[in-house]
PDB file of N, CA and C in Angstrom:
ATOM      1  N   VAL A   1       0.041  15.245  11.742  1.00  0.00           N
ATOM      2  CA  VAL A   1       0.287  13.893  10.996  1.00  0.00           C
ATOM      3  C   VAL A   1       0.139  14.429   9.676  1.00  0.00           C
ATOM      4  N   GLN A   2       1.035  13.826   8.644  1.00  0.00           N
ATOM      5  CA  GLN A   2       1.040  14.101   7.339  1.00  0.00           C
ATOM      6  C   GLN A   2       1.326  12.661   6.814  1.00  0.00           C
ATOM      7  N   LEU A   3       0.960  11.863   5.734  1.00  0.00           N
ATOM      8  CA  LEU A   3       1.130  10.838   4.999  1.00  0.00           C
ATOM      9  C   LEU A   3       0.876  11.293   3.675  1.00  0.00           C
ATOM     10  N   GLN A   4       2.568  11.212   3.325  1.00  0.00           N
ATOM     11  CA  GLN A   4       2.676  11.595   1.502  1.00  0.00           C
ATOM     12  C   GLN A   4       2.983  10.234   0.988  1.00  0.00           C
ATOM     13  N   ALA A   5       2.148  10.109  -0.297  1.00  0.00           N
ATOM     14  CA  ALA A   5       2.411   8.646  -0.692  1.00  0.00           C
ATOM     15  C   ALA A   5       2.059   9.009  -2.283  1.00  0.00           C
ATOM     16  N   PRO A   6       3.127   9.490  -3.066  1.00  0.00           N
ATOM     17  CA  PRO A   6       3.290   9.252  -4.839  1.00  0.00           C
ATOM     18  C   PRO A   6       3.679   8.114  -4.858  1.00  0.00           C
ATOM     19  N   GLY A   7       3.590   7.782  -6.368  1.00  0.00           N
ATOM     20  CA  GLY A   7       4.255   6.667  -6.714  1.00  0.00           C
ATOM     21  C   GLY A   7       3.221   5.996  -7.406  1.00  0.00           C
ATOM     22  N   GLY A   8       1.780   6.305  -7.725  1.00  0.00           N
ATOM     23  CA  GLY A   8       1.118   5.412  -8.431  1.00  0.00           C
ATOM     24  C   GLY A   8       1.357   5.436  -9.946  1.00  0.00           C
ATOM     25  N   GLY A   9       0.748   5.118 -10.870  1.00  0.00           N
ATOM     26  CA  GLY A   9       0.682   4.989 -12.139  1.00  0.00           C
ATOM     27  C   GLY A   9       0.068   4.126 -13.157  1.00  0.00           C
ATOM     28  N   LEU A  10       0.658   4.225 -14.111  1.00  0.00           N
ATOM     29  CA  LEU A  10      -0.191   3.226 -15.249  1.00  0.00           C
ATOM     30  C   LEU A  10       1.250   2.039 -15.544  1.00  0.00           C
ATOM     31  N   VAL A  11       0.530   0.863 -15.312  1.00  0.00           N
ATOM     32  CA  VAL A  11       1.487  -0.493 -15.728  1.00  0.00           C
ATOM     33  C   VAL A  11       0.635  -1.355 -16.500  1.00  0.00           C
ATOM     34  N   GLN A  12       1.548  -2.019 -17.298  1.00  0.00           N
ATOM     35  CA  GLN A  12       0.797  -3.167 -17.982  1.00  0.00           C
ATOM     36  C   GLN A  12       0.499  -4.459 -16.874  1.00  0.00           C
ATOM     37  N   PRO A  13      -0.134  -5.061 -17.518  1.00  0.00           N
ATOM     38  CA  PRO A  13      -0.439  -6.553 -16.610  1.00  0.00           C
ATOM     39  C   PRO A  13       0.849  -7.300 -16.832  1.00  0.00           C
ATOM     40  N   GLY A  14       0.946  -7.620 -15.512  1.00  0.00           N
ATOM     41  CA  GLY A  14       2.525  -8.859 -15.336  1.00  0.00           C
ATOM     42  C   GLY A  14       3.593  -7.767 -15.034  1.00  0.00           C
ATOM     43  N   GLY A  15       3.248  -6.210 -14.969  1.00  0.00           N
ATOM     44  CA  GLY A  15       4.226  -5.414 -14.459  1.00  0.00           C
ATOM     45  C   GLY A  15       4.354  -5.120 -13.233  1.00  0.00           C
ATOM     46  N   SER A  16       5.288  -4.491 -12.559  1.00  0.00           N
ATOM     47  CA  SER A  16       5.654  -4.157 -11.286  1.00  0.00           C
ATOM     48  C   SER A  16       5.572  -2.831 -10.754  1.00  0.00           C
ATOM     49  N   LEU A  17       5.320  -2.343  -9.933  1.00  0.00           N
ATOM     50  CA  LEU A  17       5.272  -1.092  -9.309  1.00  0.00           C
ATOM     51  C   LEU A  17       5.479  -0.999  -7.835  1.00  0.00           C
ATOM     52  N   ARG A  18       6.177  -0.053  -7.181  1.00  0.00           N
ATOM     53  CA  ARG A  18       6.608   0.349  -5.790  1.00  0.00           C
ATOM     54  C   ARG A  18       5.653   1.383  -5.289  1.00  0.00           C
ATOM     55  N   LEU A  19       4.992   1.425  -4.351  1.00  0.00           N
ATOM     56  CA  LEU A  19       4.334   2.526  -3.911  1.00  0.00           C
ATOM     57  C   LEU A  19       5.206   2.847  -2.415  1.00  0.00           C
ATOM     58  N   SER A  20       5.320   3.859  -2.011  1.00  0.00           N
ATOM     59  CA  SER A  20       5.934   4.302  -0.740  1.00  0.00           C
ATOM     60  C   SER A  20       5.072   5.442  -0.092  1.00  0.00           C
ATOM     61  N   CYS A  21       5.209   5.333   1.334  1.00  0.00           N
ATOM     62  CA  CYS A  21       4.445   6.452   1.755  1.00  0.00           C
ATOM     63  C   CYS A  21       5.017   6.827   3.079  1.00  0.00           C
ATOM     64  N   THR A  22       5.477   7.882   3.249  1.00  0.00           N
ATOM     65  CA  THR A  22       6.208   8.557   4.317  1.00  0.00           C
ATOM     66  C   THR A  22       5.489   9.563   5.115  1.00  0.00           C
ATOM     67  N   ALA A  23       5.683   9.240   6.281  1.00  0.00           N
ATOM     68  CA  ALA A  23       4.700   9.540   7.687  1.00  0.00           C
ATOM     69  C   ALA A  23       5.473  10.593   8.270  1.00  0.00           C
ATOM     70  N   SER A  24       5.029  11.686   8.713  1.00  0.00           N
ATOM     71  CA  SER A  24       5.812  12.789   9.715  1.00  0.00           C
ATOM     72  C   SER A  24       4.906  13.157  10.799  1.00  0.00           C
ATOM     73  N   ASN A  25       5.491  13.492  11.802  1.00  0.00           N
ATOM     74  CA  ASN A  25       5.042  13.836  13.180  1.00  0.00           C
ATOM     75  C   ASN A  25       4.131  12.686  13.893  1.00  0.00           C
ATOM     76  N   LEU A  26       4.859  11.645  13.719  1.00  0.00           N
ATOM     77  CA  LEU A  26       3.915  10.553  14.662  1.00  0.00           C
ATOM     78  C   LEU A  26       5.076   9.371  15.222  1.00  0.00           C
ATOM     79  N   ARG A  27       5.002   8.807  15.958  1.00  0.00           N
ATOM     80  CA  ARG A  27       5.774   7.518  16.084  1.00  0.00           C
ATOM     81  C   ARG A  27       5.411   6.685  15.697  1.00  0.00           C
ATOM     82  N   PHE A  28       6.179   6.450  14.430  1.00  0.00           N
ATOM     83  CA  PHE A  28       5.996   5.647  13.358  1.00  0.00           C
ATOM     84  C   PHE A  28       5.951   3.967  13.551  1.00  0.00           C
ATOM     85  N   SER A  29       7.238   3.791  14.388  1.00  0.00           N
ATOM     86  CA  SER A  29       7.347   2.298  14.793  1.00  0.00           C
ATOM     87  C   SER A  29       6.623   1.757  15.781  1.00  0.00           C
ATOM     88  N   ILE A  30       5.715   2.521  16.289  1.00  0.00           N
ATOM     89  CA  ILE A  30       4.742   1.739  17.489  1.00  0.00           C
ATOM     90  C   ILE A  30       3.341   1.768  16.718  1.00  0.00           C
ATOM     91  N   ASN A  31       3.251   1.923  15.253  1.00  0.00           N
ATOM     92  CA  ASN A  31       1.792   1.658  14.729  1.00  0.00           C
ATOM     93  C   ASN A  31       2.013   0.347  13.932  1.00  0.00           C
ATOM     94  N   GLY A  32       0.887  -0.107  13.312  1.00  0.00           N
ATOM     95  CA  GLY A  32       0.814  -1.059  12.253  1.00  0.00           C
ATOM     96  C   GLY A  32       0.810  -0.013  11.144  1.00  0.00           C
ATOM     97  N   VAL A  33       1.244  -0.608   9.983  1.00  0.00           N
ATOM     98  CA  VAL A  33       1.025   0.183   8.899  1.00  0.00           C
ATOM     99  C   VAL A  33       0.847  -0.558   7.623  1.00  0.00           C
ATOM    100  N   GLY A  34       0.347   0.085   6.593  1.00  0.00           N
ATOM    101  CA  GLY A  34      -0.397  -0.715   5.692  1.00  0.00           C
ATOM    102  C   GLY A  34      -1.080  -0.175   4.414  1.00  0.00           C
ATOM    103  N   TRP A  35      -1.478  -1.250   3.593  1.00  0.00           N
ATOM    104  CA  TRP A  35      -2.255  -0.410   2.280  1.00  0.00           C
ATOM    105  C   TRP A  35      -3.457  -0.902   2.124  1.00  0.00           C
ATOM    106  N   PHE A  36      -4.369  -0.153   1.587  1.00  0.00           N
ATOM    107  CA  PHE A  36      -5.996  -0.668   1.720  1.00  0.00           C
ATOM    108  C   PHE A  36      -5.866  -0.176   0.132  1.00  0.00           C
ATOM    109  N   ARG A  37      -7.150  -0.388  -0.758  1.00  0.00           N
ATOM    110  CA  ARG A  37      -7.444   0.009  -1.963  1.00  0.00           C
ATOM    111  C   ARG A  37      -8.977  -0.282  -2.120  1.00  0.00           C
ATOM    112  N   GLN A  38      -9.202   0.906  -3.091  1.00  0.00           N
ATOM    113  CA  GLN A  38     -10.647   0.719  -3.586  1.00  0.00           C
ATOM    114  C   GLN A  38     -10.923   0.949  -4.968  1.00  0.00           C
ATOM    115  N   ALA A  39     -11.471  -0.420  -5.636  1.00  0.00           N
ATOM    116  CA  ALA A  39     -11.633  -0.331  -6.975  1.00  0.00           C
ATOM    117  C   ALA A  39     -12.756   0.018  -7.456  1.00  0.00           C
ATOM    118  N   PRO A  40     -12.742   0.397  -8.937  1.00  0.00           N
ATOM    119  CA  PRO A  40     -14.086   1.063  -9.142  1.00  0.00           C
ATOM    120  C   PRO A  40     -15.013   0.392  -8.921  1.00  0.00           C
ATOM    121  N   GLY A  41     -16.376   0.903  -7.985  1.00  0.00           N
ATOM    122  CA  GLY A  41     -17.261   0.055  -7.981  1.00  0.00           C
ATOM    123  C   GLY A  41     -17.057  -0.835  -6.956  1.00  0.00           C
ATOM    124  N   ARG A  42     -16.226  -0.874  -6.146  1.00  0.00           N
ATOM    125  CA  ARG A  42     -16.271  -1.725  -5.104  1.00  0.00           C
ATOM    126  C   ARG A  42     -15.824  -1.228  -3.619  1.00  0.00           C
ATOM    127  N   GLN A  43     -16.168  -1.727  -2.745  1.00  0.00           N
ATOM    128  CA  GLN A  43     -15.798  -1.177  -1.201  1.00  0.00           C
ATOM    129  C   GLN A  43     -14.140  -1.170  -1.331  1.00  0.00           C
ATOM    130  N   ARG A  44     -13.642  -0.326  -0.118  1.00  0.00           N
ATOM    131  CA  ARG A  44     -12.383  -0.400  -0.160  1.00  0.00           C
ATOM    132  C   ARG A  44     -12.011  -1.516   0.622  1.00  0.00           C
ATOM    133  N   GLU A  45     -10.958  -1.928   0.743  1.00  0.00           N
ATOM    134  CA  GLU A  45     -10.565  -3.255   1.532  1.00  0.00           C
ATOM    135  C   GLU A  45      -8.956  -3.278   1.520  1.00  0.00           C
ATOM    136  N   MET A  46      -8.853  -4.247   2.755  1.00  0.00           N
ATOM    137  CA  MET A  46      -7.316  -4.473   3.123  1.00  0.00           C
ATOM    138  C   MET A  46      -6.350  -4.679   1.997  1.00  0.00           C
ATOM    139  N   VAL A  47      -5.292  -4.374   1.540  1.00  0.00           N
ATOM    140  CA  VAL A  47      -4.475  -5.318   0.681  1.00  0.00           C
ATOM    141  C   VAL A  47      -3.184  -5.977   1.378  1.00  0.00           C
ATOM    142  N   ALA A  48      -2.624  -5.109   2.340  1.00  0.00           N
ATOM    143  CA  ALA A  48      -1.638  -5.575   3.274  1.00  0.00           C
ATOM    144  C   ALA A  48      -1.193  -4.767   4.635  1.00  0.00           C
ATOM    145  N   PHE A  49      -0.745  -5.751   5.434  1.00  0.00           N
ATOM    146  CA  PHE A  49      -0.861  -4.534   6.908  1.00  0.00           C
ATOM    147  C   PHE A  49       0.441  -5.282   7.194  1.00  0.00           C
ATOM    148  N   SER A  50       1.354  -4.543   7.827  1.00  0.00           N
ATOM    149  CA  SER A  50       2.759  -4.919   8.535  1.00  0.00           C
ATOM    150  C   SER A  50       2.321  -4.606  10.035  1.00  0.00           C
ATOM    151  N   PHE A  51       2.414  -5.497  10.779  1.00  0.00           N
ATOM    152  CA  PHE A  51       2.075  -5.099  12.186  1.00  0.00           C
ATOM    153  C   PHE A  51       3.299  -4.653  12.957  1.00  0.00           C
ATOM    154  N   GLU A  52       3.113  -3.767  13.857  1.00  0.00           N
ATOM    155  CA  GLU A  52       4.393  -3.281  15.028  1.00  0.00           C
ATOM    156  C   GLU A  52       4.962  -4.244  15.553  1.00  0.00           C
ATOM    157  N   SER A  53       4.315  -5.539  16.068  1.00  0.00           N
ATOM    158  CA  SER A  53       5.371  -6.129  16.234  1.00  0.00           C
ATOM    159  C   SER A  53       5.872  -7.179  15.709  1.00  0.00           C
ATOM    160  N   GLY A  54       5.598  -7.066  14.287  1.00  0.00           N
ATOM    161  CA  GLY A  54       6.429  -8.013  13.608  1.00  0.00           C
ATOM    162  C   GLY A  54       5.326  -8.890  12.533  1.00  0.00           C
ATOM    163  N   GLY A  55       5.620  -9.487  11.519  1.00  0.00           N
ATOM    164  CA  GLY A  55       4.582  -9.987  10.829  1.00  0.00           C
ATOM    165  C   GLY A  55       3.820  -9.207   9.940  1.00  0.00           C
ATOM    166  N   ALA A  56       3.187  -9.957   8.910  1.00  0.00           N
ATOM    167  CA  ALA A  56       2.338  -9.155   7.926  1.00  0.00           C
ATOM    168  C   ALA A  56       0.969 -10.333   7.319  1.00  0.00           C
ATOM    169  N   ASN A  57       0.077  -9.374   7.008  1.00  0.00           N
ATOM    170  CA  ASN A  57      -1.164 -10.104   6.778  1.00  0.00           C
ATOM    171  C   ASN A  57      -1.576  -9.503   5.269  1.00  0.00           C
ATOM    172  N   TYR A  58      -2.129 -10.481   4.116  1.00  0.00           N
ATOM    173  CA  TYR A  58      -2.198 -10.066   2.833  1.00  0.00           C
ATOM    174  C   TYR A  58      -3.642 -10.526   2.565  1.00  0.00           C
ATOM    175  N   GLU A  59      -4.461  -9.692   1.377  1.00  0.00           N
ATOM    176  CA  GLU A  59      -5.558 -10.020   0.960  1.00  0.00           C
ATOM    177  C   GLU A  59      -5.110 -11.270   0.071  1.00  0.00           C
ATOM    178  N   ASP A  60      -6.148 -12.184   0.196  1.00  0.00           N
ATOM    179  CA  ASP A  60      -5.851 -13.348  -0.653  1.00  0.00           C
ATOM    180  C   ASP A  60      -5.405 -13.293  -1.986  1.00  0.00           C
ATOM    181  N   SER A  61      -6.170 -12.450  -2.609  1.00  0.00           N
ATOM    182  CA  SER A  61      -5.289 -12.093  -4.033  1.00  0.00           C
ATOM    183  C   SER A  61      -4.340 -11.765  -4.427  1.00  0.00           C
ATOM    184  N   VAL A  62      -3.547 -11.230  -3.615  1.00  0.00           N
ATOM    185  CA  VAL A  62      -2.419 -10.533  -3.513  1.00  0.00           C
ATOM    186  C   VAL A  62      -1.216 -11.366  -2.998  1.00  0.00           C
ATOM    187  N   ARG A  63      -1.331 -12.180  -2.267  1.00  0.00           N
ATOM    188  CA  ARG A  63      -0.530 -12.919  -1.276  1.00  0.00           C
ATOM    189  C   ARG A  63       0.267 -13.672  -2.543  1.00  0.00           C
ATOM    190  N   GLY A  64       1.640 -13.278  -2.178  1.00  0.00           N
ATOM    191  CA  GLY A  64       2.362 -13.986  -3.005  1.00  0.00           C
ATOM    192  C   GLY A  64       2.822 -13.051  -4.438  1.00  0.00           C
ATOM    193  N   ARG A  65       2.201 -11.965  -4.420  1.00  0.00           N
ATOM    194  CA  ARG A  65       2.581 -11.146  -5.557  1.00  0.00           C
ATOM    195  C   ARG A  65       2.789  -9.657  -4.781  1.00  0.00           C
ATOM    196  N   PHE A  66       2.486  -9.240  -3.650  1.00  0.00           N
ATOM    197  CA  PHE A  66       2.824  -8.102  -3.118  1.00  0.00           C
ATOM    198  C   PHE A  66       3.382  -8.182  -1.921  1.00  0.00           C
ATOM    199  N   THR A  67       4.202  -7.229  -1.483  1.00  0.00           N
ATOM    200  CA  THR A  67       5.079  -7.483  -0.215  1.00  0.00           C
ATOM    201  C   THR A  67       5.189  -5.895   0.497  1.00  0.00           C
ATOM    202  N   VAL A  68       4.622  -6.128   1.721  1.00  0.00           N
ATOM    203  CA  VAL A  68       4.687  -4.850   2.621  1.00  0.00           C
ATOM    204  C   VAL A  68       5.932  -4.658   3.334  1.00  0.00           C
ATOM    205  N   SER A  69       6.477  -3.570   3.131  1.00  0.00           N
ATOM    206  CA  SER A  69       7.679  -3.627   4.194  1.00  0.00           C
ATOM    207  C   SER A  69       7.664  -2.254   4.694  1.00  0.00           C
ATOM    208  N   ARG A  70       8.706  -2.033   5.704  1.00  0.00           N
ATOM    209  CA  ARG A  70       8.687  -0.755   6.543  1.00  0.00           C
ATOM    210  C   ARG A  70      10.192  -0.259   7.105  1.00  0.00           C
ATOM    211  N   ASP A  71      10.459   0.809   6.771  1.00  0.00           N
ATOM    212  CA  ASP A  71      11.626   1.391   7.351  1.00  0.00           C
ATOM    213  C   ASP A  71      11.349   2.299   8.582  1.00  0.00           C
ATOM    214  N   ASN A  72      11.560   1.672   9.793  1.00  0.00           N
ATOM    215  CA  ASN A  72      10.883   2.519  10.892  1.00  0.00           C
ATOM    216  C   ASN A  72      11.968   3.906  11.163  1.00  0.00           C
ATOM    217  N   ALA A  73      12.811   3.661  10.712  1.00  0.00           N
ATOM    218  CA  ALA A  73      13.968   4.922  10.946  1.00  0.00           C
ATOM    219  C   ALA A  73      13.746   5.833  10.053  1.00  0.00           C
ATOM    220  N   ALA A  74      13.007   5.513   8.566  1.00  0.00           N
ATOM    221  CA  ALA A  74      12.606   6.874   7.915  1.00  0.00           C
ATOM    222  C   ALA A  74      11.385   7.058   7.981  1.00  0.00           C
ATOM    223  N   ASN A  75      10.507   6.381   8.450  1.00  0.00           N
ATOM    224  CA  ASN A  75       8.911   6.301   8.627  1.00  0.00           C
ATOM    225  C   ASN A  75       8.455   6.179   7.251  1.00  0.00           C
ATOM    226  N   VAL A  76       8.612   4.913   6.780  1.00  0.00           N
ATOM    227  CA  VAL A  76       8.195   4.874   5.307  1.00  0.00           C
ATOM    228  C   VAL A  76       7.580   3.515   5.316  1.00  0.00           C
ATOM    229  N   VAL A  77       6.469   3.479   4.801  1.00  0.00           N
ATOM    230  CA  VAL A  77       5.890   2.079   4.205  1.00  0.00           C
ATOM    231  C   VAL A  77       6.069   1.682   2.888  1.00  0.00           C
ATOM    232  N   TYR A  78       6.251   0.539   2.442  1.00  0.00           N
ATOM    233  CA  TYR A  78       6.377   0.371   0.992  1.00  0.00           C
ATOM    234  C   TYR A  78       5.214  -0.774   0.765  1.00  0.00           C
ATOM    235  N   LEU A  79       5.170  -0.703  -0.504  1.00  0.00           N
ATOM    236  CA  LEU A  79       4.216  -1.773  -1.194  1.00  0.00           C
ATOM    237  C   LEU A  79       4.729  -2.126  -2.552  1.00  0.00           C
ATOM    238  N   GLN A  80       5.448  -3.356  -2.445  1.00  0.00           N
ATOM    239  CA  GLN A  80       5.945  -3.650  -3.884  1.00  0.00           C
ATOM    240  C   GLN A  80       5.182  -4.922  -4.435  1.00  0.00           C
ATOM    241  N   MET A  81       4.867  -4.362  -5.715  1.00  0.00           N
ATOM    242  CA  MET A  81       3.551  -5.115  -6.188  1.00  0.00           C
ATOM    243  C   MET A  81       4.532  -5.675  -8.004  1.00  0.00           C
ATOM    244  N   THR A  82       3.987  -7.249  -7.459  1.00  0.00           N
ATOM    245  CA  THR A  82       4.523  -7.592  -9.065  1.00  0.00           C
ATOM    246  C   THR A  82       3.469  -8.688  -9.325  1.00  0.00           C
ATOM    247  N   ASN A  83       3.656  -8.736 -10.743  1.00  0.00           N
ATOM    248  CA  ASN A  83       2.434  -9.513 -11.511  1.00  0.00           C
ATOM    249  C   ASN A  83       1.192  -8.932 -11.442  1.00  0.00           C
ATOM    250  N   LEU A  84       1.432  -7.708 -11.783  1.00  0.00           N
ATOM    251  CA  LEU A  84       0.034  -6.815 -11.533  1.00  0.00           C
ATOM    252  C   LEU A  84      -1.022  -7.297 -12.756  1.00  0.00           C
ATOM    253  N   LYS A  85      -2.174  -7.248 -11.974  1.00  0.00           N
ATOM    254  CA  LYS A  85      -3.356  -8.029 -12.514  1.00  0.00           C
ATOM    255  C   LYS A  85      -4.055  -6.570 -12.972  1.00  0.00           C
ATOM    256  N   LEU A  86      -5.226  -7.004 -14.035  1.00  0.00           N
ATOM    257  CA  LEU A  86      -6.231  -5.943 -14.441  1.00  0.00           C
ATOM    258  C   LEU A  86      -6.972  -5.628 -12.889  1.00  0.00           C
ATOM    259  N   GLU A  87      -7.487  -6.555 -12.490  1.00  0.00           N
ATOM    260  CA  GLU A  87      -7.929  -6.372 -11.087  1.00  0.00           C
ATOM    261  C   GLU A  87      -7.506  -5.589  -9.910  1.00  0.00           C
ATOM    262  N   ASP A  88      -6.194  -5.230  -9.898  1.00  0.00           N
ATOM    263  CA  ASP A  88      -5.104  -4.694  -9.108  1.00  0.00           C
ATOM    264  C   ASP A  88      -5.821  -3.033  -9.383  1.00  0.00           C
ATOM    265  N   THR A  89      -6.044  -2.613 -10.361  1.00  0.00           N
ATOM    266  CA  THR A  89      -6.566  -1.132 -10.591  1.00  0.00           C
ATOM    267  C   THR A  89      -7.006  -0.894  -9.421  1.00  0.00           C
ATOM    268  N   GLY A  90      -7.006   0.301  -8.964  1.00  0.00           N
ATOM    269  CA  GLY A  90      -7.795   1.023  -7.847  1.00  0.00           C
ATOM    270  C   GLY A  90      -6.885   2.292  -7.394  1.00  0.00           C
ATOM    271  N   VAL A  91      -7.482   2.722  -6.212  1.00  0.00           N
ATOM    272  CA  VAL A  91      -6.905   3.799  -5.553  1.00  0.00           C
ATOM    273  C   VAL A  91      -6.309   3.158  -4.237  1.00  0.00           C
ATOM    274  N   TYR A  92      -4.987   3.490  -4.084  1.00  0.00           N
ATOM    275  CA  TYR A  92      -4.323   2.648  -3.024  1.00  0.00           C
ATOM    276  C   TYR A  92      -3.899   3.797  -1.988  1.00  0.00           C
ATOM    277  N   TYR A  93      -4.403   3.503  -0.757  1.00  0.00           N
ATOM    278  CA  TYR A  93      -4.280   4.288   0.558  1.00  0.00           C
ATOM    279  C   TYR A  93      -3.385   3.626   1.245  1.00  0.00           C
ATOM    280  N   CYS A  94      -2.323   4.522   1.813  1.00  0.00           N
ATOM    281  CA  CYS A  94      -1.447   4.140   2.916  1.00  0.00           C
ATOM    282  C   CYS A  94      -2.148   4.700   4.252  1.00  0.00           C
ATOM    283  N   VAL A  95      -1.896   3.361   5.367  1.00  0.00           N
ATOM    284  CA  VAL A  95      -2.537   3.744   6.765  1.00  0.00           C
ATOM    285  C   VAL A  95      -1.610   3.314   7.448  1.00  0.00           C
ATOM    286  N   VAL A  96      -1.088   4.354   8.670  1.00  0.00           N
ATOM    287  CA  VAL A  96      -0.250   4.604   9.497  1.00  0.00           C
ATOM    288  C   VAL A  96      -1.149   4.499  11.050  1.00  0.00           C
ATOM    289  N   GLY A  97      -1.293   3.590  11.786  1.00  0.00           N
ATOM    290  CA  GLY A  97      -2.224   3.786  12.783  1.00  0.00           C
ATOM    291  C   GLY A  97      -3.561   3.892  12.154  1.00  0.00           C
ATOM    292  N   ALA A  98      -4.113   4.997  12.631  1.00  0.00           N
ATOM    293  CA  ALA A  98      -5.436   5.522  12.580  1.00  0.00           C
ATOM    294  C   ALA A  98      -5.537   6.661  11.510  1.00  0.00           C
ATOM    295  N   HIS A  99      -4.281   6.680  10.762  1.00  0.00           N
ATOM    296  CA  HIS A  99      -4.424   8.113  10.043  1.00  0.00           C
ATOM    297  C   HIS A  99      -3.990   7.478   8.406  1.00  0.00           C
ATOM    298  N   TRP A 100      -4.681   8.087   7.686  1.00  0.00           N
ATOM    299  CA  TRP A 100      -4.978   7.785   6.131  1.00  0.00           C
ATOM    300  C   TRP A 100      -4.331   8.761   5.209  1.00  0.00           C
ATOM    301  N   GLY A 101      -3.384   7.955   4.239  1.00  0.00           N
ATOM    302  CA  GLY A 101      -2.992   9.022   3.254  1.00  0.00           C
ATOM    303  C   GLY A 101      -4.071   9.510   2.255  1.00  0.00           C
ATOM    304  N   GLN A 102      -4.098  10.125   1.161  1.00  0.00           N
ATOM    305  CA  GLN A 102      -4.847  10.879   0.294  1.00  0.00           C
ATOM    306  C   GLN A 102      -5.345   9.631  -0.678  1.00  0.00           C
ATOM    307  N   GLY A 103      -4.101   8.458  -1.126  1.00  0.00           N
ATOM    308  CA  GLY A 103      -4.438   7.658  -1.838  1.00  0.00           C
ATOM    309  C   GLY A 103      -3.785   8.160  -3.421  1.00  0.00           C
ATOM    310  N   THR A 104      -3.598   7.108  -3.901  1.00  0.00           N
ATOM    311  CA  THR A 104      -2.822   7.284  -5.376  1.00  0.00           C
ATOM    312  C   THR A 104      -3.366   6.002  -6.199  1.00  0.00           C
ATOM    313  N   LEU A 105      -3.736   6.678  -7.328  1.00  0.00           N
ATOM    314  CA  LEU A 105      -4.073   5.782  -8.446  1.00  0.00           C
ATOM    315  C   LEU A 105      -3.260   5.020  -9.035  1.00  0.00           C
ATOM    316  N   VAL A 106      -3.652   3.506  -9.275  1.00  0.00           N
ATOM    317  CA  VAL A 106      -2.872   2.411  -9.667  1.00  0.00           C
ATOM    318  C   VAL A 106      -3.587   2.100 -11.100  1.00  0.00           C
ATOM    319  N   THR A 107      -3.353   2.267 -11.946  1.00  0.00           N
ATOM    320  CA  THR A 107      -4.054   1.717 -13.424  1.00  0.00           C
ATOM    321  C   THR A 107      -3.060   0.420 -14.048  1.00  0.00           C
ATOM    322  N   VAL A 108      -3.602  -0.572 -14.086  1.00  0.00           N
ATOM    323  CA  VAL A 108      -3.250  -1.684 -15.085  1.00  0.00           C
ATOM    324  C   VAL A 108      -4.058  -1.958 -16.116  1.00  0.00           C
ATOM    325  N   SER A 109      -3.229  -1.873 -17.311  1.00  0.00           N
ATOM    326  CA  SER A 109      -3.939  -1.791 -18.368  1.00  0.00           C
ATOM    327  C   SER A 109      -2.862  -1.808 -19.680  1.00  0.00           C
ATOM    328  N   SER A 110      -3.650  -2.703 -20.610  1.00  0.00           N
ATOM    329  CA  SER A 110      -2.604  -2.853 -21.856  1.00  0.00           C
ATOM    330  C   SER A 110      -2.852  -1.760 -22.749  1.00  0.00           C
TER     331      SER A 110
END
């Protein structure tokens, strides 16, 4: 199983960024998929999660700003982030089932 998630970077407060994560060698459609993040000095936390049966869950601070989506045919999970805030800075990890990506750094700074 491989998870590839390029797409982090530096963005200004109020800006937008989309992360993507492509999975290989697993049955993507039967797994829950999502994103966690770890901010400096903080524990890793769930940001957004898409259930295999439909529906999604979001961490309170990102609800209304972030959207998780999935393309089961292409084995890709996305995280669209809008109105980014300084506190959104962190390393973002994609998760597919029990598998974790390596993490991609998102820095929100002016």
